[in-house]
């Protein structure tokens, strides 16, 4: 979980550095060219767009892992139920065999 947080932190830090650097630029602008603040805004938009894409990819991978885990958990639960039923059936067979081996005794005695 530290990887996604670190990736997001790097993207946000890069965006902030771009903004800070853009504010320090000094240049003569010609008409129609974007200024430093506008360029910084475009870079931030791009950085946040990339961050959103990365978050979506991570969420998708996490969802797939959760689905896999859910399937494995269901399989384990089914296997445990089958084993429990098999143990009960075996215990019932053993009890039946024991009662048949002792003729003349009733279960109430």
N, C-alpha and C. Protein backbone atom coordinates (compact mmCIF):
# COMPACT_ATOMS: atom_id res chain seq x y z
N UNK A 1 0.81 -1.20 0.00
CA UNK A 1 0.00 0.00 0.00
C UNK A 1 0.85 1.26 0.00
N UNK A 2 2.11 1.15 0.39
CA UNK A 2 2.97 2.31 0.40
C UNK A 2 3.34 2.75 -1.00
N UNK A 3 3.37 1.82 -1.94
CA UNK A 3 3.72 2.18 -3.31
C UNK A 3 2.75 3.18 -3.92
N UNK A 4 1.45 2.92 -3.85
CA UNK A 4 0.51 3.88 -4.45
C UNK A 4 0.61 5.26 -3.79
N UNK A 5 0.75 5.29 -2.48
CA UNK A 5 0.85 6.57 -1.79
C UNK A 5 2.10 7.30 -2.21
N UNK A 6 3.20 6.57 -2.36
CA UNK A 6 4.46 7.20 -2.77
C UNK A 6 4.35 7.73 -4.19
N UNK A 7 3.70 6.99 -5.07
CA UNK A 7 3.55 7.43 -6.46
C UNK A 7 2.70 8.70 -6.52
N UNK A 8 1.64 8.74 -5.77
CA UNK A 8 0.77 9.92 -5.76
C UNK A 8 1.51 11.10 -5.16
N UNK A 9 2.26 10.85 -4.10
CA UNK A 9 3.01 11.93 -3.46
C UNK A 9 4.03 12.52 -4.43
N UNK A 10 4.69 11.65 -5.21
CA UNK A 10 5.67 12.15 -6.20
C UNK A 10 5.00 13.00 -7.27
N UNK A 11 3.85 12.56 -7.73
CA UNK A 11 3.15 13.31 -8.78
C UNK A 11 2.71 14.67 -8.25
N UNK A 12 2.16 14.70 -7.05
CA UNK A 12 1.72 15.97 -6.46
C UNK A 12 2.91 16.87 -6.22
N UNK A 13 4.01 16.32 -5.71
CA UNK A 13 5.21 17.13 -5.47
C UNK A 13 5.75 17.70 -6.77
N UNK A 14 5.75 16.89 -7.83
CA UNK A 14 6.22 17.38 -9.13
C UNK A 14 5.34 18.53 -9.61
N UNK A 15 4.04 18.38 -9.41
CA UNK A 15 3.13 19.46 -9.82
C UNK A 15 3.38 20.73 -9.04
N UNK A 16 3.61 20.61 -7.76
CA UNK A 16 3.88 21.79 -6.94
C UNK A 16 5.19 22.45 -7.34
N UNK A 17 6.19 21.64 -7.65
CA UNK A 17 7.47 22.21 -8.09
C UNK A 17 7.32 22.94 -9.42
N UNK A 18 6.49 22.40 -10.29
CA UNK A 18 6.24 23.07 -11.57
C UNK A 18 5.61 24.44 -11.33
N UNK A 19 4.64 24.48 -10.43
CA UNK A 19 3.96 25.74 -10.13
C UNK A 19 4.95 26.73 -9.52
N UNK A 20 5.75 26.26 -8.58
CA UNK A 20 6.71 27.15 -7.93
C UNK A 20 7.73 27.66 -8.93
N UNK A 21 8.21 26.78 -9.79
CA UNK A 21 9.18 27.19 -10.80
C UNK A 21 8.58 28.13 -11.82
N UNK A 22 7.34 27.93 -12.16
CA UNK A 22 6.68 28.78 -13.15
C UNK A 22 6.50 30.20 -12.61
N UNK A 23 6.26 30.31 -11.34
CA UNK A 23 6.07 31.64 -10.75
C UNK A 23 7.36 32.43 -10.70
N UNK A 24 8.49 31.74 -10.76
CA UNK A 24 9.78 32.43 -10.69
C UNK A 24 10.31 32.81 -12.06
N UNK A 25 9.71 32.30 -13.11
CA UNK A 25 10.20 32.59 -14.46
C UNK A 25 9.99 34.06 -14.79
N UNK A 26 10.92 34.56 -15.56
CA UNK A 26 10.78 35.93 -16.01
C UNK A 26 11.09 35.95 -17.50
N UNK A 27 10.14 36.28 -18.27
CA UNK A 27 10.36 36.30 -19.71
C UNK A 27 9.41 37.30 -20.35
N UNK A 28 9.79 37.73 -21.51
CA UNK A 28 8.92 38.63 -22.26
C UNK A 28 7.99 37.77 -23.09
N UNK A 29 6.71 38.00 -22.88
CA UNK A 29 5.73 37.20 -23.59
C UNK A 29 5.34 37.90 -24.88
N UNK A 30 5.12 37.08 -25.89
CA UNK A 30 4.55 37.61 -27.12
C UNK A 30 3.07 37.31 -27.09
N UNK A 31 2.32 38.02 -27.85
CA UNK A 31 0.87 37.87 -27.84
C UNK A 31 0.48 36.46 -28.24
N UNK A 32 -0.47 35.89 -27.49
CA UNK A 32 -1.00 34.57 -27.82
C UNK A 32 -0.29 33.42 -27.13
N UNK A 33 0.88 33.64 -26.59
CA UNK A 33 1.57 32.56 -25.89
C UNK A 33 1.08 32.49 -24.45
N UNK A 34 0.95 31.30 -23.93
CA UNK A 34 0.49 31.19 -22.54
C UNK A 34 1.58 31.67 -21.58
N UNK A 35 1.14 32.27 -20.51
CA UNK A 35 2.07 32.75 -19.50
C UNK A 35 2.52 31.62 -18.58
N UNK A 36 3.41 31.94 -17.66
CA UNK A 36 3.93 30.90 -16.77
C UNK A 36 2.84 30.25 -15.92
N UNK A 37 1.90 31.01 -15.44
CA UNK A 37 0.84 30.45 -14.61
C UNK A 37 -0.04 29.51 -15.43
N UNK A 38 -0.33 29.90 -16.67
CA UNK A 38 -1.16 29.06 -17.52
C UNK A 38 -0.43 27.75 -17.87
N UNK A 39 0.86 27.86 -18.16
CA UNK A 39 1.63 26.64 -18.44
C UNK A 39 1.69 25.75 -17.21
N UNK A 40 1.87 26.38 -16.05
CA UNK A 40 1.90 25.59 -14.81
C UNK A 40 0.56 24.90 -14.59
N UNK A 41 -0.53 25.59 -14.88
CA UNK A 41 -1.85 25.00 -14.75
C UNK A 41 -2.03 23.81 -15.68
N UNK A 42 -1.53 23.95 -16.91
CA UNK A 42 -1.61 22.84 -17.87
C UNK A 42 -0.81 21.65 -17.37
N UNK A 43 0.36 21.93 -16.83
CA UNK A 43 1.20 20.85 -16.31
C UNK A 43 0.53 20.17 -15.11
N UNK A 44 -0.09 20.97 -14.26
CA UNK A 44 -0.81 20.39 -13.12
C UNK A 44 -1.97 19.53 -13.61
N UNK A 45 -2.71 20.05 -14.59
CA UNK A 45 -3.81 19.26 -15.15
C UNK A 45 -3.31 17.92 -15.66
N UNK A 46 -2.19 17.96 -16.37
CA UNK A 46 -1.61 16.72 -16.90
C UNK A 46 -1.18 15.80 -15.76
N UNK A 47 -0.52 16.35 -14.75
CA UNK A 47 -0.05 15.53 -13.63
C UNK A 47 -1.22 14.90 -12.88
N UNK A 48 -2.27 15.67 -12.64
CA UNK A 48 -3.42 15.12 -11.93
C UNK A 48 -4.17 14.11 -12.79
N UNK A 49 -4.18 14.33 -14.07
CA UNK A 49 -4.81 13.36 -14.96
C UNK A 49 -4.06 12.03 -14.90
N UNK A 50 -2.73 12.11 -14.94
CA UNK A 50 -1.93 10.89 -14.83
C UNK A 50 -2.13 10.22 -13.48
N UNK A 51 -2.21 11.02 -12.43
CA UNK A 51 -2.44 10.46 -11.09
C UNK A 51 -3.78 9.73 -11.05
N UNK A 52 -4.80 10.33 -11.64
CA UNK A 52 -6.12 9.69 -11.68
C UNK A 52 -6.08 8.39 -12.45
N UNK A 53 -5.36 8.37 -13.57
CA UNK A 53 -5.24 7.14 -14.35
C UNK A 53 -4.55 6.05 -13.53
N UNK A 54 -3.48 6.42 -12.83
CA UNK A 54 -2.77 5.46 -12.01
C UNK A 54 -3.65 4.94 -10.87
N UNK A 55 -4.41 5.82 -10.28
CA UNK A 55 -5.33 5.39 -9.21
C UNK A 55 -6.36 4.41 -9.75
N UNK A 56 -6.87 4.68 -10.93
CA UNK A 56 -7.84 3.76 -11.54
C UNK A 56 -7.21 2.40 -11.80
N UNK A 57 -5.97 2.38 -12.29
CA UNK A 57 -5.29 1.11 -12.54
C UNK A 57 -5.10 0.35 -11.23
N UNK A 58 -4.67 1.07 -10.19
CA UNK A 58 -4.46 0.41 -8.90
C UNK A 58 -5.78 -0.13 -8.34
N UNK A 59 -6.85 0.64 -8.49
CA UNK A 59 -8.15 0.19 -8.00
C UNK A 59 -8.60 -1.06 -8.75
N UNK A 60 -8.34 -1.09 -10.04
CA UNK A 60 -8.72 -2.25 -10.84
C UNK A 60 -7.93 -3.49 -10.40
N UNK A 61 -6.62 -3.32 -10.21
CA UNK A 61 -5.80 -4.45 -9.75
C UNK A 61 -6.25 -4.92 -8.37
N UNK A 62 -6.54 -3.97 -7.49
CA UNK A 62 -7.00 -4.32 -6.14
C UNK A 62 -8.31 -5.09 -6.22
N UNK A 63 -9.21 -4.64 -7.07
CA UNK A 63 -10.49 -5.34 -7.24
C UNK A 63 -10.30 -6.76 -7.72
N UNK A 64 -9.38 -6.96 -8.66
CA UNK A 64 -9.12 -8.32 -9.16
C UNK A 64 -8.55 -9.19 -8.06
N UNK A 65 -7.64 -8.63 -7.26
CA UNK A 65 -7.07 -9.41 -6.16
C UNK A 65 -8.14 -9.77 -5.14
N UNK A 66 -9.05 -8.84 -4.87
CA UNK A 66 -10.12 -9.12 -3.92
C UNK A 66 -11.05 -10.21 -4.45
N UNK A 67 -11.35 -10.18 -5.75
CA UNK A 67 -12.18 -11.22 -6.34
C UNK A 67 -11.49 -12.58 -6.24
N UNK A 68 -10.19 -12.61 -6.54
CA UNK A 68 -9.44 -13.87 -6.43
C UNK A 68 -9.47 -14.38 -4.99
N UNK A 69 -9.26 -13.49 -4.05
CA UNK A 69 -9.28 -13.88 -2.64
C UNK A 69 -10.66 -14.43 -2.26
N UNK A 70 -11.72 -13.78 -2.72
CA UNK A 70 -13.07 -14.23 -2.43
C UNK A 70 -13.32 -15.63 -2.98
N UNK A 71 -12.86 -15.89 -4.20
CA UNK A 71 -13.01 -17.22 -4.79
C UNK A 71 -12.24 -18.27 -3.98
N UNK A 72 -11.02 -17.93 -3.60
CA UNK A 72 -10.23 -18.88 -2.80
C UNK A 72 -10.89 -19.14 -1.46
N UNK A 73 -11.42 -18.10 -0.86
CA UNK A 73 -12.09 -18.25 0.44
C UNK A 73 -13.33 -19.15 0.31
N UNK A 74 -14.11 -18.95 -0.75
CA UNK A 74 -15.27 -19.81 -0.98
C UNK A 74 -14.86 -21.26 -1.19
N UNK A 75 -13.80 -21.47 -1.96
CA UNK A 75 -13.32 -22.83 -2.20
C UNK A 75 -12.87 -23.50 -0.91
N UNK A 76 -12.16 -22.74 -0.07
CA UNK A 76 -11.71 -23.29 1.21
C UNK A 76 -12.90 -23.63 2.10
N UNK A 77 -13.92 -22.78 2.12
CA UNK A 77 -15.11 -23.03 2.94
C UNK A 77 -15.84 -24.28 2.45
N UNK A 78 -15.96 -24.43 1.14
CA UNK A 78 -16.61 -25.62 0.59
C UNK A 78 -15.82 -26.88 0.92
N UNK A 79 -14.52 -26.79 0.81
CA UNK A 79 -13.67 -27.95 1.14
C UNK A 79 -13.82 -28.31 2.62
N UNK A 80 -13.85 -27.31 3.49
CA UNK A 80 -14.00 -27.56 4.93
C UNK A 80 -15.35 -28.21 5.21
N UNK A 81 -16.41 -27.75 4.53
CA UNK A 81 -17.73 -28.37 4.70
C UNK A 81 -17.74 -29.82 4.26
N UNK A 82 -17.11 -30.10 3.12
CA UNK A 82 -17.05 -31.48 2.63
C UNK A 82 -16.29 -32.37 3.62
N UNK A 83 -15.19 -31.86 4.14
CA UNK A 83 -14.40 -32.65 5.10
C UNK A 83 -15.20 -32.88 6.39
N UNK A 84 -15.94 -31.89 6.84
CA UNK A 84 -16.75 -32.04 8.04
C UNK A 84 -17.84 -33.08 7.82
N UNK A 85 -18.51 -33.03 6.67
CA UNK A 85 -19.55 -34.00 6.35
C UNK A 85 -18.96 -35.41 6.26
N UNK A 86 -17.77 -35.52 5.70
CA UNK A 86 -17.13 -36.83 5.59
C UNK A 86 -16.79 -37.37 6.97
N UNK A 87 -16.30 -36.49 7.87
CA UNK A 87 -16.00 -36.94 9.24
C UNK A 87 -17.27 -37.40 9.95
N UNK A 88 -18.36 -36.65 9.80
CA UNK A 88 -19.62 -37.03 10.43
C UNK A 88 -20.13 -38.37 9.90
N UNK A 89 -20.02 -38.56 8.59
CA UNK A 89 -20.47 -39.81 7.98
C UNK A 89 -19.62 -40.97 8.50
N UNK A 90 -18.32 -40.75 8.61
CA UNK A 90 -17.44 -41.80 9.12
C UNK A 90 -17.76 -42.11 10.58
N UNK A 91 -18.01 -41.09 11.39
CA UNK A 91 -18.37 -41.30 12.79
C UNK A 91 -19.69 -42.07 12.90
N UNK A 92 -20.64 -41.75 12.03
CA UNK A 92 -21.93 -42.46 12.03
C UNK A 92 -21.73 -43.92 11.65
N UNK A 93 -20.87 -44.20 10.66
CA UNK A 93 -20.58 -45.58 10.25
C UNK A 93 -19.92 -46.35 11.41
N UNK A 94 -18.98 -45.68 12.08
CA UNK A 94 -18.30 -46.33 13.21
C UNK A 94 -19.29 -46.62 14.35
N UNK A 95 -20.17 -45.67 14.63
CA UNK A 95 -21.16 -45.88 15.68
C UNK A 95 -22.10 -47.02 15.31
N UNK A 96 -22.51 -47.09 14.06
CA UNK A 96 -23.38 -48.16 13.58
C UNK A 96 -22.67 -49.50 13.70
N UNK A 97 -21.41 -49.51 13.29
CA UNK A 97 -20.65 -50.76 13.37
C UNK A 97 -20.47 -51.19 14.82
N UNK A 98 -20.25 -50.26 15.71
CA UNK A 98 -20.07 -50.59 17.13
C UNK A 98 -21.37 -51.12 17.72
N UNK A 99 -22.49 -50.54 17.35
CA UNK A 99 -23.77 -51.02 17.89
C UNK A 99 -24.13 -52.39 17.33
N UNK A 100 -23.75 -52.67 16.11
CA UNK A 100 -24.01 -53.98 15.52
C UNK A 100 -23.09 -55.03 16.13
N UNK A 101 -21.92 -54.63 16.60
CA UNK A 101 -20.97 -55.56 17.18
C UNK A 101 -21.38 -55.98 18.58
N UNK A 102 -22.29 -55.25 19.22
CA UNK A 102 -22.75 -55.55 20.57
C UNK A 102 -24.26 -55.85 20.52
N UNK A 103 -24.63 -57.05 20.07
CA UNK A 103 -26.05 -57.39 19.99
C UNK A 103 -26.67 -57.51 21.38
N UNK A 104 -27.93 -57.19 21.46
CA UNK A 104 -28.66 -57.34 22.71
C UNK A 104 -28.66 -56.11 23.59
N UNK A 105 -27.84 -55.13 23.30
CA UNK A 105 -27.84 -53.90 24.10
C UNK A 105 -28.69 -52.86 23.38
N UNK A 106 -29.42 -52.12 24.17
CA UNK A 106 -30.22 -51.03 23.58
C UNK A 106 -29.51 -49.73 23.83
N UNK A 107 -29.88 -48.76 23.07
CA UNK A 107 -29.20 -47.47 23.20
C UNK A 107 -29.54 -46.75 24.49
N UNK A 108 -30.64 -47.12 25.17
CA UNK A 108 -31.05 -46.46 26.40
C UNK A 108 -30.33 -47.01 27.61
N UNK A 109 -29.60 -48.09 27.53
CA UNK A 109 -28.97 -48.71 28.71
C UNK A 109 -27.57 -48.23 28.93
